[in-house]
PDB file of N, CA and C in Angstrom:
ATOM      1  N   MET A   1      13.381  -9.887 -34.413  1.00  0.00           N
ATOM      2  CA  MET A   1      13.409 -10.414 -33.418  1.00  0.00           C
ATOM      3  C   MET A   1      12.510  -9.733 -31.886  1.00  0.00           C
ATOM      4  N   ASP A   2      11.242 -10.428 -31.458  1.00  0.00           N
ATOM      5  CA  ASP A   2      11.012  -9.449 -30.383  1.00  0.00           C
ATOM      6  C   ASP A   2      11.249  -9.012 -29.561  1.00  0.00           C
ATOM      7  N   SER A   3      10.567  -8.203 -28.524  1.00  0.00           N
ATOM      8  CA  SER A   3      11.306  -7.755 -27.433  1.00  0.00           C
ATOM      9  C   SER A   3      11.843  -9.069 -26.317  1.00  0.00           C
ATOM     10  N   GLY A   4      10.411  -9.951 -26.045  1.00  0.00           N
ATOM     11  CA  GLY A   4      10.645 -11.079 -25.214  1.00  0.00           C
ATOM     12  C   GLY A   4      12.164 -12.003 -25.367  1.00  0.00           C
ATOM     13  N   GLN A   5      12.017 -12.292 -26.740  1.00  0.00           N
ATOM     14  CA  GLN A   5      13.629 -13.237 -27.040  1.00  0.00           C
ATOM     15  C   GLN A   5      14.395 -12.211 -26.458  1.00  0.00           C
ATOM     16  N   SER A   6      14.837 -10.753 -27.226  1.00  0.00           N
ATOM     17  CA  SER A   6      15.879 -10.306 -27.062  1.00  0.00           C
ATOM     18  C   SER A   6      16.571 -10.095 -25.329  1.00  0.00           C
ATOM     19  N   ASP A   7      15.197 -10.060 -24.428  1.00  0.00           N
ATOM     20  CA  ASP A   7      15.451  -9.731 -23.410  1.00  0.00           C
ATOM     21  C   ASP A   7      16.018 -11.123 -22.555  1.00  0.00           C
ATOM     22  N   SER A   8      15.458 -12.110 -23.603  1.00  0.00           N
ATOM     23  CA  SER A   8      15.963 -13.398 -22.994  1.00  0.00           C
ATOM     24  C   SER A   8      17.249 -13.626 -22.980  1.00  0.00           C
ATOM     25  N   ASP A   9      17.508 -13.449 -24.202  1.00  0.00           N
ATOM     26  CA  ASP A   9      19.260 -13.105 -24.731  1.00  0.00           C
ATOM     27  C   ASP A   9      20.400 -12.431 -23.904  1.00  0.00           C
ATOM     28  N   LEU A  10      19.244 -11.154 -23.455  1.00  0.00           N
ATOM     29  CA  LEU A  10      20.279 -10.139 -22.600  1.00  0.00           C
ATOM     30  C   LEU A  10      20.456 -11.251 -21.055  1.00  0.00           C
ATOM     31  N   MET A  11      19.680 -11.827 -20.798  1.00  0.00           N
ATOM     32  CA  MET A  11      19.861 -12.466 -19.387  1.00  0.00           C
ATOM     33  C   MET A  11      20.706 -13.646 -19.497  1.00  0.00           C
ATOM     34  N   ALA A  12      20.248 -14.233 -20.640  1.00  0.00           N
ATOM     35  CA  ALA A  12      21.715 -15.765 -20.721  1.00  0.00           C
ATOM     36  C   ALA A  12      22.837 -15.022 -20.811  1.00  0.00           C
ATOM     37  N   ALA A  13      23.079 -14.220 -21.546  1.00  0.00           N
ATOM     38  CA  ALA A  13      24.507 -13.256 -21.692  1.00  0.00           C
ATOM     39  C   ALA A  13      24.806 -12.889 -20.556  1.00  0.00           C
ATOM     40  N   LEU A  14      24.196 -12.187 -19.801  1.00  0.00           N
ATOM     41  CA  LEU A  14      24.406 -11.542 -17.921  1.00  0.00           C
ATOM     42  C   LEU A  14      25.109 -12.688 -17.469  1.00  0.00           C
ATOM     43  N   LEU A  15      23.890 -14.020 -17.144  1.00  0.00           N
ATOM     44  CA  LEU A  15      24.004 -14.794 -16.743  1.00  0.00           C
ATOM     45  C   LEU A  15      25.241 -16.223 -16.649  1.00  0.00           C
ATOM     46  N   SER A  16      25.410 -15.857 -18.148  1.00  0.00           N
ATOM     47  CA  SER A  16      25.851 -17.518 -18.518  1.00  0.00           C
ATOM     48  C   SER A  16      28.125 -17.260 -18.130  1.00  0.00           C
ATOM     49  N   GLY A  17      28.726 -18.149 -17.175  1.00  0.00           N
ATOM     50  CA  GLY A  17      29.970 -18.333 -16.849  1.00  0.00           C
ATOM     51  C   GLY A  17      29.656 -18.508 -15.069  1.00  0.00           C
ATOM     52  N   LEU A  18      28.262 -18.217 -14.718  1.00  0.00           N
ATOM     53  CA  LEU A  18      28.123 -18.118 -13.153  1.00  0.00           C
ATOM     54  C   LEU A  18      27.606 -19.437 -13.046  1.00  0.00           C
ATOM     55  N   ALA A  19      27.779 -20.067 -11.648  1.00  0.00           N
ATOM     56  CA  ALA A  19      27.826 -21.082 -10.994  1.00  0.00           C
ATOM     57  C   ALA A  19      26.104 -20.720 -10.841  1.00  0.00           C
ATOM     58  N   ASP A  20      25.310 -22.494 -10.590  1.00  0.00           N
ATOM     59  CA  ASP A  20      24.373 -22.598 -10.652  1.00  0.00           C
ATOM     60  C   ASP A  20      23.922 -21.187  -9.093  1.00  0.00           C
ATOM     61  N   ASP A  21      24.077 -21.568  -7.963  1.00  0.00           N
ATOM     62  CA  ASP A  21      24.008 -20.701  -7.109  1.00  0.00           C
ATOM     63  C   ASP A  21      23.847 -19.265  -7.359  1.00  0.00           C
ATOM     64  N   ASP A  22      24.818 -18.807  -7.840  1.00  0.00           N
ATOM     65  CA  ASP A  22      24.941 -17.479  -8.408  1.00  0.00           C
ATOM     66  C   ASP A  22      24.487 -16.933  -9.022  1.00  0.00           C
ATOM     67  N   ARG A  23      24.042 -18.149 -10.463  1.00  0.00           N
ATOM     68  CA  ARG A  23      22.619 -17.679 -11.414  1.00  0.00           C
ATOM     69  C   ARG A  23      21.712 -17.438 -10.860  1.00  0.00           C
ATOM     70  N   SER A  24      21.015 -18.760 -10.241  1.00  0.00           N
ATOM     71  CA  SER A  24      20.158 -18.159  -9.379  1.00  0.00           C
ATOM     72  C   SER A  24      19.435 -17.063  -8.905  1.00  0.00           C
ATOM     73  N   GLN A  25      20.881 -16.046  -7.925  1.00  0.00           N
ATOM     74  CA  GLN A  25      20.943 -14.849  -6.707  1.00  0.00           C
ATOM     75  C   GLN A  25      20.974 -14.012  -7.972  1.00  0.00           C
ATOM     76  N   THR A  26      21.688 -14.007  -8.817  1.00  0.00           N
ATOM     77  CA  THR A  26      21.499 -12.771  -9.864  1.00  0.00           C
ATOM     78  C   THR A  26      20.387 -12.567 -10.403  1.00  0.00           C
ATOM     79  N   ALA A  27      19.558 -13.329 -10.960  1.00  0.00           N
ATOM     80  CA  ALA A  27      18.615 -13.508 -11.954  1.00  0.00           C
ATOM     81  C   ALA A  27      17.104 -12.702 -11.086  1.00  0.00           C
ATOM     82  N   GLU A  28      17.700 -13.582 -10.005  1.00  0.00           N
ATOM     83  CA  GLU A  28      16.429 -12.875  -9.208  1.00  0.00           C
ATOM     84  C   GLU A  28      16.525 -11.902  -8.821  1.00  0.00           C
ATOM     85  N   LEU A  29      18.108 -10.712  -8.275  1.00  0.00           N
ATOM     86  CA  LEU A  29      17.909  -9.844  -7.948  1.00  0.00           C
ATOM     87  C   LEU A  29      17.753  -8.656  -9.214  1.00  0.00           C
ATOM     88  N   ILE A  30      18.540  -8.836 -10.519  1.00  0.00           N
ATOM     89  CA  ILE A  30      17.750  -8.308 -11.767  1.00  0.00           C
ATOM     90  C   ILE A  30      16.276  -8.115 -11.835  1.00  0.00           C
ATOM     91  N   ARG A  31      15.613  -9.301 -11.470  1.00  0.00           N
ATOM     92  CA  ARG A  31      14.050  -9.398 -11.445  1.00  0.00           C
ATOM     93  C   ARG A  31      13.537  -8.443 -10.499  1.00  0.00           C
ATOM     94  N   VAL A  32      13.535  -8.782  -9.394  1.00  0.00           N
ATOM     95  CA  VAL A  32      13.049  -8.119  -8.184  1.00  0.00           C
ATOM     96  C   VAL A  32      13.598  -6.352  -8.653  1.00  0.00           C
ATOM     97  N   ARG A  33      14.907  -5.864  -9.245  1.00  0.00           N
ATOM     98  CA  ARG A  33      15.328  -4.554  -9.183  1.00  0.00           C
ATOM     99  C   ARG A  33      14.375  -3.936 -10.116  1.00  0.00           C
ATOM    100  N   GLY A  34      14.215  -4.754 -11.456  1.00  0.00           N
ATOM    101  CA  GLY A  34      13.037  -4.539 -12.352  1.00  0.00           C
ATOM    102  C   GLY A  34      11.905  -4.062 -12.201  1.00  0.00           C
ATOM    103  N   ASP A  35      11.446  -5.152 -11.478  1.00  0.00           N
ATOM    104  CA  ASP A  35      10.342  -4.981 -10.979  1.00  0.00           C
ATOM    105  C   ASP A  35      10.080  -3.705  -9.848  1.00  0.00           C
ATOM    106  N   GLU A  36      10.772  -3.127  -8.866  1.00  0.00           N
ATOM    107  CA  GLU A  36      10.709  -2.210  -8.009  1.00  0.00           C
ATOM    108  C   GLU A  36      10.501  -0.766  -9.123  1.00  0.00           C
ATOM    109  N   GLU A  37      11.784  -1.228 -10.353  1.00  0.00           N
ATOM    110  CA  GLU A  37      11.952   0.593 -11.238  1.00  0.00           C
ATOM    111  C   GLU A  37      10.694   0.510 -11.778  1.00  0.00           C
ATOM    112  N   ARG A  38      10.306  -0.134 -12.245  1.00  0.00           N
ATOM    113  CA  ARG A  38       8.651  -0.411 -13.357  1.00  0.00           C
ATOM    114  C   ARG A  38       7.948   0.681 -12.629  1.00  0.00           C
ATOM    115  N   GLU A  39       7.581  -0.502 -10.850  1.00  0.00           N
ATOM    116  CA  GLU A  39       6.732   0.690 -10.029  1.00  0.00           C
ATOM    117  C   GLU A  39       6.794   1.611  -9.489  1.00  0.00           C
ATOM    118  N   ALA A  40       8.332   2.222  -9.568  1.00  0.00           N
ATOM    119  CA  ALA A  40       8.442   3.606  -9.223  1.00  0.00           C
ATOM    120  C   ALA A  40       8.204   4.421 -10.335  1.00  0.00           C
ATOM    121  N   ALA A  41       8.468   3.915 -11.895  1.00  0.00           N
ATOM    122  CA  ALA A  41       8.002   4.682 -12.727  1.00  0.00           C
ATOM    123  C   ALA A  41       6.675   4.718 -12.884  1.00  0.00           C
ATOM    124  N   LEU A  42       6.045   3.757 -13.042  1.00  0.00           N
ATOM    125  CA  LEU A  42       4.464   3.761 -13.121  1.00  0.00           C
ATOM    126  C   LEU A  42       3.897   4.848 -12.068  1.00  0.00           C
ATOM    127  N   LYS A  43       4.342   5.057 -10.900  1.00  0.00           N
ATOM    128  CA  LYS A  43       4.157   6.288 -10.042  1.00  0.00           C
ATOM    129  C   LYS A  43       5.088   7.634 -10.020  1.00  0.00           C
ATOM    130  N   GLY A  44       5.265   7.589 -11.265  1.00  0.00           N
ATOM    131  CA  GLY A  44       5.871   8.876 -11.475  1.00  0.00           C
ATOM    132  C   GLY A  44       7.733   9.431 -10.724  1.00  0.00           C
ATOM    133  N   HIS A  45       8.079   8.557 -10.336  1.00  0.00           N
ATOM    134  CA  HIS A  45       8.942   8.374  -9.353  1.00  0.00           C
ATOM    135  C   HIS A  45       9.920   8.016 -10.177  1.00  0.00           C
ATOM    136  N   PRO A  46      10.419   7.597 -11.185  1.00  0.00           N
ATOM    137  CA  PRO A  46      11.813   6.916 -12.326  1.00  0.00           C
ATOM    138  C   PRO A  46      13.281   7.241 -11.578  1.00  0.00           C
ATOM    139  N   GLU A  47      13.594   5.775 -11.133  1.00  0.00           N
ATOM    140  CA  GLU A  47      14.696   5.661 -10.138  1.00  0.00           C
ATOM    141  C   GLU A  47      15.797   6.101 -11.196  1.00  0.00           C
ATOM    142  N   ARG A  48      16.956   6.258 -10.544  1.00  0.00           N
ATOM    143  CA  ARG A  48      18.444   6.849 -11.465  1.00  0.00           C
ATOM    144  C   ARG A  48      19.516   6.527 -10.755  1.00  0.00           C
ATOM    145  N   ASN A  49      19.363   5.148  -9.859  1.00  0.00           N
ATOM    146  CA  ASN A  49      20.628   4.877  -9.262  1.00  0.00           C
ATOM    147  C   ASN A  49      21.760   4.301  -9.910  1.00  0.00           C
ATOM    148  N   VAL A  50      22.476   4.775 -10.928  1.00  0.00           N
ATOM    149  CA  VAL A  50      23.796   5.154 -11.714  1.00  0.00           C
ATOM    150  C   VAL A  50      24.875   4.969 -10.200  1.00  0.00           C
ATOM    151  N   ASP A  51      25.828   4.634 -10.539  1.00  0.00           N
ATOM    152  CA  ASP A  51      27.303   4.756  -9.722  1.00  0.00           C
ATOM    153  C   ASP A  51      28.024   5.448 -11.017  1.00  0.00           C
ATOM    154  N   VAL A  52      27.968   6.904 -11.373  1.00  0.00           N
ATOM    155  CA  VAL A  52      29.024   7.212 -12.235  1.00  0.00           C
ATOM    156  C   VAL A  52      30.377   7.369 -11.626  1.00  0.00           C
ATOM    157  N   GLY A  53      30.246   7.175 -10.496  1.00  0.00           N
ATOM    158  CA  GLY A  53      31.996   6.936 -10.127  1.00  0.00           C
ATOM    159  C   GLY A  53      32.173   8.866  -9.286  1.00  0.00           C
ATOM    160  N   PRO A  54      33.406   9.072  -9.134  1.00  0.00           N
ATOM    161  CA  PRO A  54      33.866  10.425  -8.781  1.00  0.00           C
ATOM    162  C   PRO A  54      33.997  11.137 -10.221  1.00  0.00           C
ATOM    163  N   ARG A  55      33.493  12.219  -9.479  1.00  0.00           N
ATOM    164  CA  ARG A  55      34.018  13.280 -10.754  1.00  0.00           C
ATOM    165  C   ARG A  55      34.278  14.880 -10.301  1.00  0.00           C
ATOM    166  N   GLN A  56      35.060  15.498 -11.234  1.00  0.00           N
ATOM    167  CA  GLN A  56      35.056  16.608 -10.646  1.00  0.00           C
ATOM    168  C   GLN A  56      34.484  17.577 -12.175  1.00  0.00           C
ATOM    169  N   ARG A  57      33.918  19.104 -11.263  1.00  0.00           N
ATOM    170  CA  ARG A  57      33.423  19.921 -12.357  1.00  0.00           C
ATOM    171  C   ARG A  57      34.317  20.899 -12.401  1.00  0.00           C
ATOM    172  N   ALA A  58      34.334  21.303 -13.319  1.00  0.00           N
ATOM    173  CA  ALA A  58      35.314  22.740 -13.831  1.00  0.00           C
ATOM    174  C   ALA A  58      34.716  23.651 -13.005  1.00  0.00           C
ATOM    175  N   SER A  59      33.547  24.087 -12.787  1.00  0.00           N
ATOM    176  CA  SER A  59      32.960  24.899 -12.241  1.00  0.00           C
ATOM    177  C   SER A  59      33.393  25.112 -10.811  1.00  0.00           C
ATOM    178  N   ARG A  60      33.266  23.827 -10.522  1.00  0.00           N
ATOM    179  CA  ARG A  60      33.669  23.862  -8.828  1.00  0.00           C
ATOM    180  C   ARG A  60      34.995  24.038  -8.033  1.00  0.00           C
ATOM    181  N   ALA A  61      35.840  23.750  -9.333  1.00  0.00           N
ATOM    182  CA  ALA A  61      37.140  23.871  -8.737  1.00  0.00           C
ATOM    183  C   ALA A  61      37.819  25.154  -8.345  1.00  0.00           C
ATOM    184  N   ALA A  62      38.837  25.302  -7.574  1.00  0.00           N
ATOM    185  CA  ALA A  62      39.442  26.629  -7.311  1.00  0.00           C
ATOM    186  C   ALA A  62      39.940  26.775  -8.528  1.00  0.00           C
ATOM    187  N   PRO A  63      39.994  28.401  -8.667  1.00  0.00           N
ATOM    188  CA  PRO A  63      40.708  28.878 -10.030  1.00  0.00           C
ATOM    189  C   PRO A  63      42.268  28.612  -9.695  1.00  0.00           C
ATOM    190  N   GLN A  64      43.203  28.588 -10.902  1.00  0.00           N
ATOM    191  CA  GLN A  64      44.563  28.321 -10.815  1.00  0.00           C
ATOM    192  C   GLN A  64      45.122  29.321 -10.943  1.00  0.00           C
ATOM    193  N   THR A  65      45.913  29.558 -10.340  1.00  0.00           N
ATOM    194  CA  THR A  65      47.251  30.786 -10.320  1.00  0.00           C
ATOM    195  C   THR A  65      48.104  30.627 -10.704  1.00  0.00           C
ATOM    196  N   ASP A  66      48.732  31.489 -11.298  1.00  0.00           N
ATOM    197  CA  ASP A  66      49.817  31.341 -12.535  1.00  0.00           C
ATOM    198  C   ASP A  66      50.916  32.048 -11.402  1.00  0.00           C
ATOM    199  N   LEU A  67      51.793  30.754 -10.698  1.00  0.00           N
ATOM    200  CA  LEU A  67      52.610  31.647  -9.664  1.00  0.00           C
ATOM    201  C   LEU A  67      54.171  31.575 -10.528  1.00  0.00           C
ATOM    202  N   ALA A  68      54.018  31.764 -11.692  1.00  0.00           N
ATOM    203  CA  ALA A  68      55.679  31.562 -12.083  1.00  0.00           C
ATOM    204  C   ALA A  68      55.656  33.166 -12.784  1.00  0.00           C
ATOM    205  N   GLY A  69      54.553  33.811 -12.540  1.00  0.00           N
ATOM    206  CA  GLY A  69      54.413  35.264 -13.180  1.00  0.00           C
ATOM    207  C   GLY A  69      54.668  36.031 -12.592  1.00  0.00           C
ATOM    208  N   ALA A  70      54.230  35.483 -11.183  1.00  0.00           N
ATOM    209  CA  ALA A  70      54.293  36.110 -10.031  1.00  0.00           C
ATOM    210  C   ALA A  70      55.478  36.940  -9.270  1.00  0.00           C
TER     211      ALA A  70
END
């Protein structure tokens, strides 16, 4: 399977079940965002706008004290 076919299958899967209006808006959003990311990458500025949600890092957390032994 070539890349064009797999891209087409992916788009079809992403857009399946959407109303016509939503499907065309979503397809356009995906196309525009892909173009923007490709352009940024060609300029040497790859974008990584990924929402990873809230997270805590152990190194930033306040140390826990054992109050039972005090």
